[in-house]
Amino acid sequence: MKKVHFNRVVIIQSIPEGELHTGTKLHEDIDMLNIAYDRRLDVKLYNIKTKTELLELLFCLTNEASNYGQIPILHIEAHGRDDNRGLVLASDDFISWKDLKDPLIKLNIATRNNLFIVLAACHGANLTETLLPTDRAPCWGLIGPKKQIPAEVLLKSFSAFHKELLWTGSGGKAVKVLNDAAPRGVTGYFF
């Protein structure tokens, strides 16, 4: 497997108030690992609420990739919709995988096909359902669960994933650690 190339980690969190803000905790963990492993990455957390804010942020990330060579791991913390068709954001806005596909394709082009997406959302791996063999790729790699997984399990698993990824730079090793961190009986993550 190709090594993951990135110079920043962007966490987009869209979780309603009163719920566990897993993106905030993950940001703190990645920030500490970034210092401990001397990776010198730009680690950012963006709290967004609406579909418009998400699309505007993806547009900004695309400009930063095009103009400044920023290659993010894009980690999205949100709720997946039960019908597997997309994400439900903090404002209760729905954004379909189809609505996300074109902005992600533009971002992937700007990163020269180095965009790695982590969808820490129930049914997050279902973004792949919108892909056609004739489409441009929305990312180099995507990882996410195919089913519903509790927030605490997502946090534990993805913390282990990012720790391995920052340490080794190997997506393959990180995916193995991710699945190993999932409790027995929890369906694995799709890469």
N, C-alpha and C. Protein backbone atom coordinates (compact mmCIF):
# COMPACT_ATOMS: atom_id res chain seq x y z
N MET A 1 0.84 -1.18 0.00
CA MET A 1 0.00 0.00 0.00
C MET A 1 0.89 1.25 0.00
N LYS A 2 0.49 2.23 -0.77
CA LYS A 2 1.19 3.51 -0.85
C LYS A 2 1.17 4.19 0.52
N LYS A 3 2.29 4.83 0.88
CA LYS A 3 2.31 5.61 2.13
C LYS A 3 1.42 6.83 1.97
N VAL A 4 0.83 7.21 3.05
CA VAL A 4 -0.04 8.38 3.07
C VAL A 4 0.84 9.63 3.10
N HIS A 5 0.60 10.55 2.17
CA HIS A 5 1.35 11.81 2.12
C HIS A 5 0.44 12.93 2.60
N PHE A 6 0.87 13.64 3.64
CA PHE A 6 0.06 14.74 4.17
C PHE A 6 0.98 15.67 4.97
N ASN A 7 0.57 16.93 5.07
CA ASN A 7 1.32 17.88 5.89
C ASN A 7 0.41 18.61 6.88
N ARG A 8 -0.82 18.15 6.96
CA ARG A 8 -1.75 18.71 7.93
C ARG A 8 -2.85 17.71 8.23
N VAL A 9 -3.47 17.89 9.38
CA VAL A 9 -4.64 17.11 9.75
C VAL A 9 -5.76 18.11 10.00
N VAL A 10 -6.84 17.96 9.27
CA VAL A 10 -8.00 18.83 9.41
C VAL A 10 -9.15 17.99 9.95
N ILE A 11 -9.62 18.37 11.13
CA ILE A 11 -10.76 17.69 11.74
C ILE A 11 -11.96 18.62 11.61
N ILE A 12 -12.99 18.13 10.95
CA ILE A 12 -14.24 18.87 10.83
C ILE A 12 -15.24 18.19 11.76
N GLN A 13 -15.70 18.94 12.72
CA GLN A 13 -16.64 18.41 13.71
C GLN A 13 -17.99 19.09 13.54
N SER A 14 -19.03 18.28 13.41
CA SER A 14 -20.39 18.80 13.33
C SER A 14 -21.28 17.90 14.17
N ILE A 15 -21.16 18.07 15.47
CA ILE A 15 -21.89 17.28 16.46
C ILE A 15 -22.77 18.24 17.25
N PRO A 16 -24.04 17.89 17.47
CA PRO A 16 -24.94 18.78 18.23
C PRO A 16 -24.44 19.03 19.66
N GLU A 17 -24.83 20.18 20.20
CA GLU A 17 -24.51 20.51 21.59
C GLU A 17 -25.10 19.44 22.50
N GLY A 18 -24.40 19.18 23.60
CA GLY A 18 -24.88 18.20 24.56
C GLY A 18 -24.44 16.78 24.27
N GLU A 19 -23.83 16.54 23.12
CA GLU A 19 -23.32 15.22 22.78
C GLU A 19 -21.80 15.21 22.92
N LEU A 20 -21.22 14.02 22.97
CA LEU A 20 -19.78 13.87 23.08
C LEU A 20 -19.11 14.46 21.84
N HIS A 21 -18.29 15.45 22.03
CA HIS A 21 -17.58 16.09 20.93
C HIS A 21 -16.25 15.36 20.71
N THR A 22 -16.35 14.27 20.00
CA THR A 22 -15.21 13.39 19.75
C THR A 22 -14.11 14.08 18.97
N GLY A 23 -14.47 15.00 18.09
CA GLY A 23 -13.48 15.72 17.30
C GLY A 23 -12.57 16.58 18.17
N THR A 24 -13.13 17.18 19.21
CA THR A 24 -12.34 18.01 20.13
C THR A 24 -11.31 17.15 20.85
N LYS A 25 -11.73 16.01 21.36
CA LYS A 25 -10.82 15.10 22.05
C LYS A 25 -9.76 14.57 21.09
N LEU A 26 -10.17 14.20 19.89
CA LEU A 26 -9.23 13.69 18.89
C LEU A 26 -8.21 14.77 18.53
N HIS A 27 -8.65 16.01 18.40
CA HIS A 27 -7.75 17.12 18.10
C HIS A 27 -6.69 17.25 19.19
N GLU A 28 -7.10 17.16 20.45
CA GLU A 28 -6.14 17.24 21.55
C GLU A 28 -5.13 16.10 21.47
N ASP A 29 -5.61 14.89 21.20
CA ASP A 29 -4.72 13.72 21.10
C ASP A 29 -3.72 13.88 19.95
N ILE A 30 -4.22 14.29 18.78
CA ILE A 30 -3.35 14.43 17.61
C ILE A 30 -2.34 15.55 17.84
N ASP A 31 -2.78 16.64 18.46
CA ASP A 31 -1.87 17.75 18.77
C ASP A 31 -0.70 17.27 19.65
N MET A 32 -1.01 16.47 20.67
CA MET A 32 0.04 15.93 21.55
C MET A 32 0.97 14.99 20.78
N LEU A 33 0.41 14.11 19.95
CA LEU A 33 1.22 13.19 19.17
C LEU A 33 2.10 13.94 18.17
N ASN A 34 1.56 14.98 17.59
CA ASN A 34 2.30 15.80 16.64
C ASN A 34 3.57 16.36 17.29
N ILE A 35 3.43 16.81 18.53
CA ILE A 35 4.58 17.34 19.28
C ILE A 35 5.51 16.20 19.68
N ALA A 36 4.95 15.13 20.23
CA ALA A 36 5.76 14.01 20.72
C ALA A 36 6.57 13.36 19.60
N TYR A 37 5.98 13.23 18.41
CA TYR A 37 6.66 12.58 17.29
C TYR A 37 7.40 13.59 16.41
N ASP A 38 7.37 14.87 16.80
CA ASP A 38 8.05 15.94 16.06
C ASP A 38 7.69 15.93 14.58
N ARG A 39 6.39 15.82 14.29
CA ARG A 39 5.92 15.75 12.90
C ARG A 39 5.77 17.12 12.25
N ARG A 40 5.62 18.16 13.06
CA ARG A 40 5.48 19.55 12.56
C ARG A 40 4.31 19.70 11.57
N LEU A 41 3.22 19.06 11.91
CA LEU A 41 2.02 19.15 11.09
C LEU A 41 1.17 20.33 11.53
N ASP A 42 0.41 20.85 10.61
CA ASP A 42 -0.60 21.85 10.91
C ASP A 42 -1.86 21.06 11.29
N VAL A 43 -2.28 21.12 12.55
CA VAL A 43 -3.44 20.37 13.03
C VAL A 43 -4.54 21.37 13.37
N LYS A 44 -5.66 21.26 12.68
CA LYS A 44 -6.76 22.21 12.86
C LYS A 44 -8.07 21.48 13.17
N LEU A 45 -8.86 22.11 14.02
CA LEU A 45 -10.21 21.66 14.32
C LEU A 45 -11.17 22.75 13.88
N TYR A 46 -12.14 22.37 13.07
CA TYR A 46 -13.18 23.29 12.63
C TYR A 46 -14.52 22.78 13.12
N ASN A 47 -15.22 23.60 13.88
CA ASN A 47 -16.57 23.28 14.33
C ASN A 47 -17.54 23.95 13.39
N ILE A 48 -18.29 23.15 12.68
CA ILE A 48 -19.27 23.69 11.73
C ILE A 48 -20.64 23.15 12.10
N LYS A 49 -21.66 23.87 11.67
CA LYS A 49 -23.03 23.45 12.00
C LYS A 49 -23.86 23.14 10.77
N THR A 50 -23.65 23.86 9.68
CA THR A 50 -24.55 23.77 8.54
C THR A 50 -23.87 23.20 7.29
N LYS A 51 -24.71 22.81 6.36
CA LYS A 51 -24.23 22.33 5.06
C LYS A 51 -23.44 23.42 4.34
N THR A 52 -23.94 24.64 4.40
CA THR A 52 -23.25 25.76 3.75
C THR A 52 -21.85 25.96 4.33
N GLU A 53 -21.73 25.90 5.66
CA GLU A 53 -20.41 26.05 6.30
C GLU A 53 -19.47 24.93 5.87
N LEU A 54 -19.98 23.71 5.76
CA LEU A 54 -19.14 22.59 5.34
C LEU A 54 -18.64 22.79 3.92
N LEU A 55 -19.53 23.15 3.02
CA LEU A 55 -19.14 23.36 1.62
C LEU A 55 -18.15 24.53 1.48
N GLU A 56 -18.37 25.61 2.24
CA GLU A 56 -17.44 26.74 2.22
C GLU A 56 -16.06 26.33 2.74
N LEU A 57 -16.02 25.52 3.79
CA LEU A 57 -14.75 25.06 4.34
C LEU A 57 -14.02 24.18 3.32
N LEU A 58 -14.72 23.29 2.65
CA LEU A 58 -14.08 22.44 1.63
C LEU A 58 -13.52 23.30 0.49
N PHE A 59 -14.24 24.35 0.13
CA PHE A 59 -13.75 25.28 -0.89
C PHE A 59 -12.45 25.96 -0.43
N CYS A 60 -12.42 26.41 0.83
CA CYS A 60 -11.21 27.04 1.38
C CYS A 60 -10.04 26.06 1.43
N LEU A 61 -10.30 24.82 1.84
CA LEU A 61 -9.25 23.80 1.89
C LEU A 61 -8.70 23.52 0.49
N THR A 62 -9.58 23.55 -0.51
CA THR A 62 -9.15 23.35 -1.89
C THR A 62 -8.23 24.49 -2.33
N ASN A 63 -8.59 25.72 -1.99
CA ASN A 63 -7.74 26.86 -2.33
C ASN A 63 -6.39 26.77 -1.63
N GLU A 64 -6.37 26.37 -0.35
CA GLU A 64 -5.11 26.23 0.39
C GLU A 64 -4.24 25.13 -0.21
N ALA A 65 -4.87 24.06 -0.68
CA ALA A 65 -4.11 22.98 -1.32
C ALA A 65 -3.53 23.46 -2.64
N SER A 66 -4.32 24.17 -3.43
CA SER A 66 -3.86 24.67 -4.73
C SER A 66 -2.77 25.73 -4.60
N ASN A 67 -2.98 26.68 -3.69
CA ASN A 67 -2.09 27.83 -3.59
C ASN A 67 -0.89 27.64 -2.68
N TYR A 68 -1.00 26.76 -1.67
CA TYR A 68 0.06 26.64 -0.67
C TYR A 68 0.57 25.21 -0.46
N GLY A 69 0.10 24.27 -1.27
CA GLY A 69 0.57 22.90 -1.16
C GLY A 69 0.13 22.18 0.10
N GLN A 70 -0.97 22.63 0.71
CA GLN A 70 -1.49 21.98 1.91
C GLN A 70 -2.18 20.67 1.52
N ILE A 71 -1.71 19.56 2.08
CA ILE A 71 -2.29 18.24 1.81
C ILE A 71 -2.83 17.69 3.13
N PRO A 72 -4.14 17.78 3.32
CA PRO A 72 -4.69 17.34 4.60
C PRO A 72 -5.08 15.88 4.62
N ILE A 73 -5.03 15.31 5.81
CA ILE A 73 -5.89 14.17 6.11
C ILE A 73 -7.17 14.86 6.55
N LEU A 74 -8.26 14.55 5.92
CA LEU A 74 -9.54 15.17 6.22
C LEU A 74 -10.35 14.22 7.09
N HIS A 75 -10.50 14.57 8.36
CA HIS A 75 -11.21 13.73 9.33
C HIS A 75 -12.53 14.41 9.64
N ILE A 76 -13.64 13.75 9.32
CA ILE A 76 -14.97 14.33 9.54
C ILE A 76 -15.69 13.58 10.65
N GLU A 77 -16.08 14.33 11.68
CA GLU A 77 -16.83 13.82 12.82
C GLU A 77 -18.26 14.37 12.72
N ALA A 78 -19.20 13.49 12.39
CA ALA A 78 -20.60 13.89 12.26
C ALA A 78 -21.45 12.63 12.41
N HIS A 79 -22.75 12.81 12.36
CA HIS A 79 -23.64 11.65 12.39
C HIS A 79 -23.93 11.21 10.96
N GLY A 80 -23.89 9.91 10.75
CA GLY A 80 -24.32 9.36 9.47
C GLY A 80 -25.82 9.14 9.52
N ARG A 81 -26.46 9.36 8.39
CA ARG A 81 -27.91 9.16 8.33
C ARG A 81 -28.21 7.67 8.24
N ASP A 82 -29.28 7.25 8.89
CA ASP A 82 -29.64 5.83 8.97
C ASP A 82 -29.88 5.18 7.62
N ASP A 83 -30.25 5.96 6.60
CA ASP A 83 -30.51 5.37 5.28
C ASP A 83 -29.22 5.27 4.45
N ASN A 84 -28.07 5.55 5.06
CA ASN A 84 -26.74 5.42 4.40
C ASN A 84 -26.51 6.44 3.29
N ARG A 85 -27.27 7.50 3.21
CA ARG A 85 -27.17 8.41 2.08
C ARG A 85 -26.33 9.65 2.31
N GLY A 86 -25.81 9.84 3.54
CA GLY A 86 -25.01 11.02 3.79
C GLY A 86 -24.89 11.32 5.27
N LEU A 87 -24.61 12.59 5.56
CA LEU A 87 -24.35 13.04 6.92
C LEU A 87 -25.46 13.96 7.42
N VAL A 88 -25.70 13.90 8.72
CA VAL A 88 -26.59 14.84 9.39
C VAL A 88 -25.69 15.72 10.25
N LEU A 89 -25.71 17.01 10.00
CA LEU A 89 -24.82 17.95 10.68
C LEU A 89 -25.43 18.48 11.96
N ALA A 90 -24.67 19.25 12.71
CA ALA A 90 -25.09 19.74 14.03
C ALA A 90 -26.40 20.52 13.98
N SER A 91 -26.64 21.24 12.89
CA SER A 91 -27.87 22.03 12.74
C SER A 91 -29.05 21.17 12.30
N ASP A 92 -28.83 19.88 12.11
CA ASP A 92 -29.79 18.93 11.56
C ASP A 92 -29.88 19.04 10.04
N ASP A 93 -28.98 19.83 9.42
CA ASP A 93 -28.89 19.86 7.96
C ASP A 93 -28.43 18.49 7.48
N PHE A 94 -28.96 18.07 6.34
CA PHE A 94 -28.53 16.84 5.70
C PHE A 94 -27.65 17.19 4.51
N ILE A 95 -26.53 16.49 4.38
CA ILE A 95 -25.70 16.61 3.18
C ILE A 95 -25.48 15.21 2.64
N SER A 96 -25.89 15.02 1.41
CA SER A 96 -25.80 13.69 0.81
C SER A 96 -24.37 13.42 0.35
N TRP A 97 -24.07 12.14 0.18
CA TRP A 97 -22.76 11.78 -0.36
C TRP A 97 -22.60 12.41 -1.74
N LYS A 98 -23.68 12.47 -2.50
CA LYS A 98 -23.63 13.07 -3.84
C LYS A 98 -23.25 14.56 -3.75
N ASP A 99 -23.79 15.27 -2.75
CA ASP A 99 -23.46 16.69 -2.56
C ASP A 99 -22.00 16.88 -2.16
N LEU A 100 -21.44 15.90 -1.47
CA LEU A 100 -20.04 15.99 -1.04
C LEU A 100 -19.05 15.59 -2.13
N LYS A 101 -19.51 14.78 -3.06
CA LYS A 101 -18.60 14.19 -4.04
C LYS A 101 -17.83 15.23 -4.86
N ASP A 102 -18.50 16.19 -5.46
CA ASP A 102 -17.81 17.17 -6.31
C ASP A 102 -16.82 18.05 -5.54
N PRO A 103 -17.20 18.60 -4.36
CA PRO A 103 -16.20 19.36 -3.61
C PRO A 103 -14.98 18.51 -3.21
N LEU A 104 -15.21 17.24 -2.89
CA LEU A 104 -14.08 16.37 -2.53
C LEU A 104 -13.22 16.05 -3.75
N ILE A 105 -13.84 15.89 -4.91
CA ILE A 105 -13.07 15.67 -6.15
C ILE A 105 -12.15 16.87 -6.40
N LYS A 106 -12.69 18.07 -6.24
CA LYS A 106 -11.87 19.29 -6.45
C LYS A 106 -10.72 19.36 -5.45
N LEU A 107 -10.98 19.00 -4.21
CA LEU A 107 -9.93 18.99 -3.19
C LEU A 107 -8.89 17.93 -3.51
N ASN A 108 -9.32 16.77 -3.95
CA ASN A 108 -8.38 15.71 -4.29
C ASN A 108 -7.50 16.11 -5.48
N ILE A 109 -8.08 16.76 -6.46
CA ILE A 109 -7.30 17.26 -7.60
C ILE A 109 -6.25 18.26 -7.11
N ALA A 110 -6.66 19.15 -6.22
CA ALA A 110 -5.73 20.17 -5.69
C ALA A 110 -4.59 19.54 -4.89
N THR A 111 -4.83 18.37 -4.28
CA THR A 111 -3.77 17.69 -3.51
C THR A 111 -2.98 16.70 -4.37
N ARG A 112 -3.26 16.70 -5.67
CA ARG A 112 -2.60 15.78 -6.61
C ARG A 112 -2.85 14.32 -6.23
N ASN A 113 -4.10 14.02 -5.96
CA ASN A 113 -4.58 12.68 -5.59
C ASN A 113 -3.91 12.15 -4.33
N ASN A 114 -3.77 13.01 -3.33
CA ASN A 114 -3.24 12.61 -2.04
C ASN A 114 -4.23 12.79 -0.91
N LEU A 115 -5.50 13.06 -1.22
CA LEU A 115 -6.48 13.31 -0.17
C LEU A 115 -6.89 12.00 0.48
N PHE A 116 -6.70 11.94 1.80
CA PHE A 116 -7.11 10.79 2.58
C PHE A 116 -8.24 11.26 3.49
N ILE A 117 -9.40 10.60 3.39
CA ILE A 117 -10.58 11.01 4.13
C ILE A 117 -10.90 9.97 5.20
N VAL A 118 -11.11 10.45 6.41
CA VAL A 118 -11.55 9.61 7.51
C VAL A 118 -12.96 10.08 7.86
N LEU A 119 -13.92 9.20 7.69
CA LEU A 119 -15.30 9.54 8.00
C LEU A 119 -15.70 8.82 9.28
N ALA A 120 -15.54 9.52 10.39
CA ALA A 120 -15.92 8.98 11.70
C ALA A 120 -17.39 9.28 11.93
N ALA A 121 -18.19 8.63 11.12
CA ALA A 121 -19.64 8.79 11.16
C ALA A 121 -20.25 7.44 10.88
N CYS A 122 -21.31 7.12 11.55
CA CYS A 122 -21.99 5.86 11.25
C CYS A 122 -22.29 5.81 9.75
N HIS A 123 -22.02 4.71 9.13
CA HIS A 123 -22.25 4.49 7.71
C HIS A 123 -21.32 5.34 6.83
N GLY A 124 -20.23 5.87 7.39
CA GLY A 124 -19.34 6.78 6.66
C GLY A 124 -18.72 6.18 5.42
N ALA A 125 -18.47 4.87 5.43
CA ALA A 125 -17.86 4.23 4.27
C ALA A 125 -18.79 4.22 3.07
N ASN A 126 -20.05 4.54 3.28
CA ASN A 126 -21.01 4.51 2.18
C ASN A 126 -20.84 5.65 1.18
N LEU A 127 -19.91 6.57 1.44
CA LEU A 127 -19.57 7.56 0.42
C LEU A 127 -19.17 6.85 -0.88
N THR A 128 -18.58 5.68 -0.76
CA THR A 128 -18.15 4.93 -1.95
C THR A 128 -19.31 4.54 -2.85
N GLU A 129 -20.53 4.53 -2.32
CA GLU A 129 -21.70 4.14 -3.11
C GLU A 129 -21.98 5.14 -4.24
N THR A 130 -21.47 6.36 -4.14
CA THR A 130 -21.73 7.36 -5.17
C THR A 130 -20.71 7.33 -6.30
N LEU A 131 -19.69 6.51 -6.15
CA LEU A 131 -18.61 6.52 -7.12
C LEU A 131 -18.92 5.67 -8.34
N LEU A 132 -18.57 6.19 -9.48
CA LEU A 132 -18.70 5.47 -10.74
C LEU A 132 -17.31 5.28 -11.33
N PRO A 133 -17.09 4.21 -12.09
CA PRO A 133 -15.76 3.99 -12.67
C PRO A 133 -15.30 5.12 -13.59
N THR A 134 -16.25 5.89 -14.11
CA THR A 134 -15.91 6.98 -15.02
C THR A 134 -15.67 8.31 -14.31
N ASP A 135 -15.90 8.36 -12.99
CA ASP A 135 -15.71 9.59 -12.21
C ASP A 135 -14.25 9.85 -11.90
N ARG A 136 -13.94 11.11 -11.70
CA ARG A 136 -12.66 11.45 -11.06
C ARG A 136 -12.76 10.98 -9.62
N ALA A 137 -11.64 10.66 -9.03
CA ALA A 137 -11.63 10.15 -7.66
C ALA A 137 -11.80 11.30 -6.66
N PRO A 138 -12.69 11.14 -5.65
CA PRO A 138 -12.83 12.17 -4.63
C PRO A 138 -11.74 12.08 -3.56
N CYS A 139 -10.92 11.03 -3.61
CA CYS A 139 -9.85 10.88 -2.62
C CYS A 139 -8.91 9.77 -3.03
N TRP A 140 -7.72 9.79 -2.45
CA TRP A 140 -6.78 8.68 -2.63
C TRP A 140 -7.24 7.49 -1.81
N GLY A 141 -7.70 7.77 -0.59
CA GLY A 141 -8.17 6.71 0.29
C GLY A 141 -9.27 7.23 1.19
N LEU A 142 -10.11 6.30 1.61
CA LEU A 142 -11.24 6.61 2.48
C LEU A 142 -11.35 5.51 3.51
N ILE A 143 -11.59 5.91 4.74
CA ILE A 143 -11.85 4.91 5.77
C ILE A 143 -13.04 5.36 6.60
N GLY A 144 -13.89 4.41 6.92
CA GLY A 144 -15.04 4.70 7.75
C GLY A 144 -15.81 3.43 8.03
N PRO A 145 -16.73 3.49 8.96
CA PRO A 145 -17.53 2.31 9.28
C PRO A 145 -18.67 2.14 8.27
N LYS A 146 -19.05 0.90 8.05
CA LYS A 146 -20.19 0.60 7.18
C LYS A 146 -21.50 0.62 7.97
N LYS A 147 -21.40 0.50 9.29
CA LYS A 147 -22.59 0.37 10.13
C LYS A 147 -22.59 1.44 11.22
N GLN A 148 -23.54 1.35 12.12
CA GLN A 148 -23.65 2.26 13.24
C GLN A 148 -22.69 1.81 14.34
N ILE A 149 -21.89 2.74 14.86
CA ILE A 149 -20.91 2.45 15.90
C ILE A 149 -21.02 3.55 16.96
N PRO A 150 -21.01 3.19 18.26
CA PRO A 150 -21.11 4.21 19.31
C PRO A 150 -19.95 5.21 19.27
N ALA A 151 -20.22 6.44 19.66
CA ALA A 151 -19.22 7.52 19.62
C ALA A 151 -17.95 7.17 20.39
N GLU A 152 -18.10 6.54 21.56
CA GLU A 152 -16.93 6.19 22.37
C GLU A 152 -16.03 5.20 21.64
N VAL A 153 -16.64 4.27 20.92
CA VAL A 153 -15.88 3.27 20.15
C VAL A 153 -15.16 3.95 18.99
N LEU A 154 -15.87 4.85 18.30
CA LEU A 154 -15.24 5.60 17.20
C LEU A 154 -14.02 6.37 17.71
N LEU A 155 -14.18 7.04 18.84
CA LEU A 155 -13.09 7.84 19.40
C LEU A 155 -11.89 6.97 19.73
N LYS A 156 -12.12 5.87 20.42
CA LYS A 156 -11.01 4.98 20.79
C LYS A 156 -10.31 4.42 19.55
N SER A 157 -11.09 3.95 18.60
CA SER A 157 -10.52 3.35 17.40
C SER A 157 -9.74 4.36 16.57
N PHE A 158 -10.33 5.54 16.36
CA PHE A 158 -9.67 6.52 15.51
C PHE A 158 -8.49 7.19 16.21
N SER A 159 -8.50 7.24 17.54
CA SER A 159 -7.31 7.72 18.25
C SER A 159 -6.14 6.77 18.00
N ALA A 160 -6.39 5.47 18.09
CA ALA A 160 -5.35 4.47 17.81
C ALA A 160 -4.89 4.56 16.36
N PHE A 161 -5.84 4.77 15.45
CA PHE A 161 -5.52 4.90 14.02
C PHE A 161 -4.56 6.07 13.78
N HIS A 162 -4.91 7.25 14.31
CA HIS A 162 -4.08 8.43 14.09
C HIS A 162 -2.71 8.30 14.76
N LYS A 163 -2.67 7.68 15.91
CA LYS A 163 -1.39 7.47 16.59
C LYS A 163 -0.45 6.66 15.70
N GLU A 164 -0.95 5.56 15.15
CA GLU A 164 -0.13 4.72 14.26
C GLU A 164 0.23 5.45 12.98
N LEU A 165 -0.72 6.17 12.42
CA LEU A 165 -0.47 6.89 11.17
C LEU A 165 0.59 7.96 11.35
N LEU A 166 0.52 8.71 12.46
CA LEU A 166 1.52 9.74 12.70
C LEU A 166 2.89 9.13 13.01
N TRP A 167 2.89 7.99 13.66
CA TRP A 167 4.16 7.35 14.01
C TRP A 167 4.85 6.75 12.79
N THR A 168 4.09 6.00 11.97
CA THR A 168 4.71 5.26 10.86
C THR A 168 4.46 5.87 9.49
N GLY A 169 3.39 6.62 9.33
CA GLY A 169 3.03 7.12 8.01
C GLY A 169 2.41 6.05 7.13
N SER A 170 2.20 4.87 7.66
CA SER A 170 1.67 3.75 6.89
C SER A 170 0.17 3.62 7.07
N GLY A 171 -0.58 3.82 5.99
CA GLY A 171 -2.03 3.66 6.03
C GLY A 171 -2.42 2.22 6.34
N GLY A 172 -1.68 1.25 5.79
CA GLY A 172 -1.98 -0.16 6.03
C GLY A 172 -1.86 -0.53 7.49
N LYS A 173 -0.77 -0.10 8.13
CA LYS A 173 -0.58 -0.39 9.56
C LYS A 173 -1.65 0.32 10.39
N ALA A 174 -1.98 1.55 10.01
CA ALA A 174 -2.97 2.32 10.76
C ALA A 174 -4.36 1.67 10.66
N VAL A 175 -4.70 1.15 9.49
CA VAL A 175 -6.00 0.47 9.34
C VAL A 175 -6.05 -0.79 10.19
N LYS A 176 -4.95 -1.53 10.24
CA LYS A 176 -4.89 -2.73 11.07
C LYS A 176 -5.09 -2.37 12.55
N VAL A 177 -4.39 -1.32 13.01
CA VAL A 177 -4.53 -0.87 14.39
C VAL A 177 -5.96 -0.39 14.66
N LEU A 178 -6.56 0.29 13.69
CA LEU A 178 -7.94 0.77 13.81
C LEU A 178 -8.88 -0.40 14.05
N ASN A 179 -8.79 -1.42 13.23
CA ASN A 179 -9.67 -2.57 13.39
C ASN A 179 -9.36 -3.36 14.65
N ASP A 180 -8.09 -3.45 15.02
CA ASP A 180 -7.71 -4.15 16.26
C ASP A 180 -8.25 -3.42 17.50
N ALA A 181 -8.40 -2.09 17.42
CA ALA A 181 -8.87 -1.30 18.56
C ALA A 181 -10.38 -1.41 18.76
N ALA A 182 -11.09 -1.87 17.73
CA ALA A 182 -12.55 -2.01 17.85
C ALA A 182 -12.87 -3.18 18.78
N PRO A 183 -13.83 -3.00 19.68
CA PRO A 183 -14.19 -4.09 20.59
C PRO A 183 -14.72 -5.30 19.84
N ARG A 184 -14.59 -6.45 20.46
CA ARG A 184 -15.09 -7.69 19.88
C ARG A 184 -16.57 -7.53 19.56
N GLY A 185 -16.95 -7.99 18.41
CA GLY A 185 -18.35 -7.91 18.01
C GLY A 185 -18.71 -6.67 17.22
N VAL A 186 -17.80 -5.67 17.20
CA VAL A 186 -18.05 -4.46 16.41
C VAL A 186 -17.52 -4.70 15.00
N THR A 187 -18.38 -4.47 14.02
CA THR A 187 -17.97 -4.66 12.64
C THR A 187 -16.79 -3.76 12.34
N GLY A 188 -15.84 -4.26 11.59
CA GLY A 188 -14.64 -3.50 11.26
C GLY A 188 -14.92 -2.29 10.39
N TYR A 189 -13.86 -1.59 10.12
CA TYR A 189 -13.93 -0.38 9.32
C TYR A 189 -13.56 -0.73 7.88
N PHE A 190 -14.13 -0.01 6.96
CA PHE A 190 -13.92 -0.22 5.53
C PHE A 190 -12.85 0.74 5.04
N PHE A 191 -11.88 0.24 4.28
CA PHE A 191 -10.85 1.08 3.66
C PHE A 191 -10.98 0.96 2.17
